[in-house]
Amino acid sequence: MKGRDFLALTVGFNLLGGILAGLLVGYAFDRWFMEGLFKVKSFPFGLFFFFFIGIVSGFWNAYKDLRRL
């Protein structure tokens, strides 16, 4: 593989990693933090919030990598 192929792979992993990290953090925030500590049921809202944060961060990192191309 050449350097450009690795950069394209990095862009894909940034997108996927940002989205998955957002989902995992949102799920953990809702289930363990809000329900575990505060006994507040807010299941879909924290998950959606951090999911969108993950999407934005994934695209932002991919954009920065694509600018290097």
N, C-alpha and C. Protein backbone atom coordinates (compact mmCIF):
# COMPACT_ATOMS: atom_id res chain seq x y z
N MET A 1 0.84 -1.18 0.00
CA MET A 1 0.00 0.00 0.00
C MET A 1 0.88 1.24 0.00
N LYS A 2 0.39 2.24 -0.63
CA LYS A 2 1.13 3.49 -0.70
C LYS A 2 0.65 4.44 0.39
N GLY A 3 1.31 5.58 0.50
CA GLY A 3 1.00 6.56 1.53
C GLY A 3 -0.41 7.10 1.45
N ARG A 4 -0.90 7.30 0.24
CA ARG A 4 -2.26 7.82 0.08
C ARG A 4 -3.30 6.80 0.53
N ASP A 5 -2.99 5.54 0.32
CA ASP A 5 -3.93 4.49 0.76
C ASP A 5 -4.03 4.46 2.28
N PHE A 6 -2.92 4.62 2.94
CA PHE A 6 -2.94 4.65 4.41
C PHE A 6 -3.67 5.89 4.92
N LEU A 7 -3.55 7.00 4.21
CA LEU A 7 -4.27 8.21 4.62
C LEU A 7 -5.78 8.02 4.44
N ALA A 8 -6.17 7.36 3.35
CA ALA A 8 -7.59 7.07 3.15
C ALA A 8 -8.11 6.13 4.24
N LEU A 9 -7.31 5.17 4.62
CA LEU A 9 -7.69 4.26 5.69
C LEU A 9 -7.81 5.00 7.02
N THR A 10 -6.93 5.95 7.25
CA THR A 10 -6.98 6.76 8.46
C THR A 10 -8.25 7.60 8.50
N VAL A 11 -8.65 8.15 7.36
CA VAL A 11 -9.87 8.95 7.30
C VAL A 11 -11.07 8.07 7.65
N GLY A 12 -11.12 6.87 7.10
CA GLY A 12 -12.22 5.96 7.41
C GLY A 12 -12.26 5.56 8.87
N PHE A 13 -11.09 5.29 9.45
CA PHE A 13 -11.05 4.93 10.86
C PHE A 13 -11.41 6.11 11.75
N ASN A 14 -11.08 7.33 11.34
CA ASN A 14 -11.49 8.50 12.11
C ASN A 14 -13.00 8.64 12.13
N LEU A 15 -13.64 8.45 10.99
CA LEU A 15 -15.10 8.54 10.94
C LEU A 15 -15.74 7.45 11.80
N LEU A 16 -15.31 6.23 11.60
CA LEU A 16 -15.89 5.11 12.34
C LEU A 16 -15.58 5.20 13.83
N GLY A 17 -14.36 5.56 14.15
CA GLY A 17 -13.97 5.67 15.55
C GLY A 17 -14.72 6.76 16.29
N GLY A 18 -14.93 7.90 15.64
CA GLY A 18 -15.68 8.99 16.27
C GLY A 18 -17.12 8.60 16.55
N ILE A 19 -17.73 7.92 15.58
CA ILE A 19 -19.13 7.52 15.75
C ILE A 19 -19.25 6.46 16.84
N LEU A 20 -18.37 5.45 16.81
CA LEU A 20 -18.44 4.40 17.83
C LEU A 20 -18.11 4.92 19.22
N ALA A 21 -17.14 5.81 19.31
CA ALA A 21 -16.81 6.39 20.62
C ALA A 21 -17.98 7.20 21.16
N GLY A 22 -18.64 7.95 20.30
CA GLY A 22 -19.81 8.70 20.73
C GLY A 22 -20.92 7.81 21.23
N LEU A 23 -21.15 6.70 20.54
CA LEU A 23 -22.18 5.76 20.98
C LEU A 23 -21.83 5.13 22.33
N LEU A 24 -20.59 4.72 22.48
CA LEU A 24 -20.19 4.08 23.73
C LEU A 24 -20.22 5.06 24.91
N VAL A 25 -19.76 6.26 24.69
CA VAL A 25 -19.78 7.26 25.77
C VAL A 25 -21.22 7.63 26.12
N GLY A 26 -22.07 7.79 25.12
CA GLY A 26 -23.47 8.11 25.38
C GLY A 26 -24.19 7.01 26.12
N TYR A 27 -23.93 5.77 25.74
CA TYR A 27 -24.56 4.65 26.44
C TYR A 27 -24.08 4.58 27.89
N ALA A 28 -22.77 4.72 28.07
CA ALA A 28 -22.22 4.67 29.43
C ALA A 28 -22.73 5.83 30.27
N PHE A 29 -22.84 7.00 29.67
CA PHE A 29 -23.34 8.17 30.40
C PHE A 29 -24.77 7.95 30.86
N ASP A 30 -25.61 7.43 29.95
CA ASP A 30 -27.01 7.22 30.32
C ASP A 30 -27.18 6.10 31.32
N ARG A 31 -26.58 4.97 31.05
CA ARG A 31 -26.84 3.78 31.86
C ARG A 31 -26.13 3.83 33.21
N TRP A 32 -24.87 4.17 33.23
CA TRP A 32 -24.11 4.04 34.47
C TRP A 32 -24.03 5.34 35.26
N PHE A 33 -23.95 6.45 34.57
CA PHE A 33 -23.80 7.71 35.29
C PHE A 33 -25.14 8.26 35.73
N MET A 34 -26.06 8.46 34.79
CA MET A 34 -27.35 9.08 35.14
C MET A 34 -28.24 8.12 35.93
N GLU A 35 -28.34 6.89 35.46
CA GLU A 35 -29.22 5.95 36.18
C GLU A 35 -28.54 5.36 37.41
N GLY A 36 -27.23 5.19 37.37
CA GLY A 36 -26.53 4.59 38.50
C GLY A 36 -26.35 5.54 39.66
N LEU A 37 -25.94 6.76 39.38
CA LEU A 37 -25.65 7.71 40.45
C LEU A 37 -26.85 8.56 40.84
N PHE A 38 -27.57 9.05 39.84
CA PHE A 38 -28.65 10.01 40.11
C PHE A 38 -30.05 9.39 40.04
N LYS A 39 -30.14 8.13 39.60
CA LYS A 39 -31.43 7.43 39.49
C LYS A 39 -32.41 8.18 38.59
N VAL A 40 -31.88 8.78 37.51
CA VAL A 40 -32.70 9.49 36.54
C VAL A 40 -32.68 8.71 35.25
N LYS A 41 -33.87 8.41 34.72
CA LYS A 41 -33.94 7.68 33.46
C LYS A 41 -33.93 8.68 32.30
N SER A 42 -32.81 8.75 31.60
CA SER A 42 -32.69 9.65 30.45
C SER A 42 -32.08 8.91 29.27
N PHE A 43 -32.47 7.62 29.11
CA PHE A 43 -31.74 6.74 28.21
C PHE A 43 -31.51 7.30 26.80
N PRO A 44 -32.49 7.66 26.02
CA PRO A 44 -32.12 7.98 24.63
C PRO A 44 -31.44 9.33 24.47
N PHE A 45 -31.62 10.26 25.39
CA PHE A 45 -31.15 11.62 25.16
C PHE A 45 -29.63 11.75 25.26
N GLY A 46 -29.02 11.16 26.25
CA GLY A 46 -27.57 11.20 26.36
C GLY A 46 -26.91 10.43 25.23
N LEU A 47 -27.51 9.32 24.86
CA LEU A 47 -26.99 8.52 23.76
C LEU A 47 -27.02 9.31 22.46
N PHE A 48 -28.13 9.96 22.17
CA PHE A 48 -28.22 10.76 20.94
C PHE A 48 -27.27 11.95 20.97
N PHE A 49 -27.16 12.60 22.12
CA PHE A 49 -26.29 13.76 22.22
C PHE A 49 -24.84 13.39 21.93
N PHE A 50 -24.35 12.35 22.60
CA PHE A 50 -22.96 11.95 22.39
C PHE A 50 -22.75 11.28 21.04
N PHE A 51 -23.79 10.68 20.47
CA PHE A 51 -23.71 10.13 19.12
C PHE A 51 -23.44 11.25 18.12
N PHE A 52 -24.17 12.35 18.25
CA PHE A 52 -23.95 13.48 17.34
C PHE A 52 -22.61 14.16 17.60
N ILE A 53 -22.18 14.21 18.85
CA ILE A 53 -20.84 14.73 19.14
C ILE A 53 -19.78 13.84 18.48
N GLY A 54 -19.98 12.53 18.51
CA GLY A 54 -19.05 11.61 17.87
C GLY A 54 -19.03 11.77 16.35
N ILE A 55 -20.20 12.00 15.75
CA ILE A 55 -20.26 12.23 14.31
C ILE A 55 -19.50 13.49 13.95
N VAL A 56 -19.72 14.55 14.69
CA VAL A 56 -19.04 15.82 14.41
C VAL A 56 -17.53 15.67 14.58
N SER A 57 -17.10 15.02 15.64
CA SER A 57 -15.65 14.87 15.85
C SER A 57 -15.03 13.96 14.80
N GLY A 58 -15.74 12.92 14.38
CA GLY A 58 -15.23 12.04 13.34
C GLY A 58 -15.07 12.76 12.02
N PHE A 59 -16.06 13.54 11.64
CA PHE A 59 -15.96 14.29 10.39
C PHE A 59 -14.91 15.39 10.48
N TRP A 60 -14.77 15.99 11.66
CA TRP A 60 -13.76 17.04 11.82
C TRP A 60 -12.36 16.46 11.68
N ASN A 61 -12.12 15.32 12.29
CA ASN A 61 -10.81 14.68 12.16
C ASN A 61 -10.57 14.20 10.73
N ALA A 62 -11.60 13.70 10.07
CA ALA A 62 -11.46 13.28 8.68
C ALA A 62 -11.18 14.49 7.79
N TYR A 63 -11.82 15.59 8.05
CA TYR A 63 -11.58 16.82 7.28
C TYR A 63 -10.13 17.28 7.43
N LYS A 64 -9.61 17.23 8.66
CA LYS A 64 -8.23 17.63 8.88
C LYS A 64 -7.26 16.71 8.14
N ASP A 65 -7.57 15.40 8.13
CA ASP A 65 -6.72 14.47 7.41
C ASP A 65 -6.80 14.67 5.90
N LEU A 66 -7.99 14.96 5.41
CA LEU A 66 -8.14 15.19 3.96
C LEU A 66 -7.46 16.47 3.51
N ARG A 67 -7.37 17.44 4.38
CA ARG A 67 -6.64 18.67 4.02
C ARG A 67 -5.17 18.40 3.81
N ARG A 68 -4.63 17.38 4.52
CA ARG A 68 -3.23 17.00 4.33
C ARG A 68 -2.99 16.36 2.98
N LEU A 69 -4.06 15.80 2.39
CA LEU A 69 -3.94 15.21 1.06
C LEU A 69 -3.69 16.30 0.08
